[in-house]
Amino acid sequence: MALSDIELRILGSLLEKERTTPESYPLTTNQLVSACNQKTNRDPVTSFTVLEIEECLRNLSDKGLTSTDRGASERAFKHTHRLGYSFVISAKAFAILAVLMLRGSQTPGELRLRTERYIEFDDLNEVEDTLIKMSEHQPQLVKKLERGPGQSQDRWKQLLGGDEERQRPRARVAKAVTNDVDTLRAEVEELKAKLEYLYEHFNVSFQSERPEEEEFEKVENT
């Protein structure tokens, strides 16, 4: 499906609010913006604008993934997801999908804990069974990741889109070293310019083969 990061955030937020705050669902545009940018239960935290959300909603509507309506007695348009028309999966699978959309890859234990606001799993085995069914769904919805260094549990990621690699902290050692060298080079050039000015100002000739102490003595005597 190749959804963008903002599309994933919108759909994940709609899924979440449908289950956790059904009294305020569907969401107005302002409510949806707040849901996408909230600082809890989100990774990463974002700051999408109203214009960005509205443009993305039009794209999602064209894909048949959201709908926007306004009731006869309502002033504001409200938005709902239509993922149930695209994927025939259980409510528990949708809860897992929402968390993966909103928080990135997770272990089964994390998913069980973070879906408690949506729905209740009997145990960890039920979470894992649900993940396996989602991985066998057509199209495939989730994928188990290989364990990284220091990780003791399997992690799962959603496959609807986004780029988690871009969100991960990256090693910047090489760039930092390059920046340090450039900075030092600039500082050396500045010091050389200042030293040349001093030599010229005090009418002292520079001879690189002489000891530094001798050069400084000349400057002091002058």
Foldseek 3Di string as FASTA:
>chain_A
DADELLLLLLQLLQLLCCQQPVVCPQDFLVRSQCSSQPVPLAPPRDRDDSVRNVVSQVVCVVVVQKDWDADPPGDTIGMHTDVVVVFVADQLLSLLSSSLSGYNKDFLVVSQVNSVSRDHDPDSVSSVVRQVVQCVDVVRFKDWDDDDPPDDTIIMHTDPHYDVVVSDDDDCVVVVVVVVVVVVVVVVVVVVVVVVVLCVVQVHDDDVVDDPVVSVVVSVVD
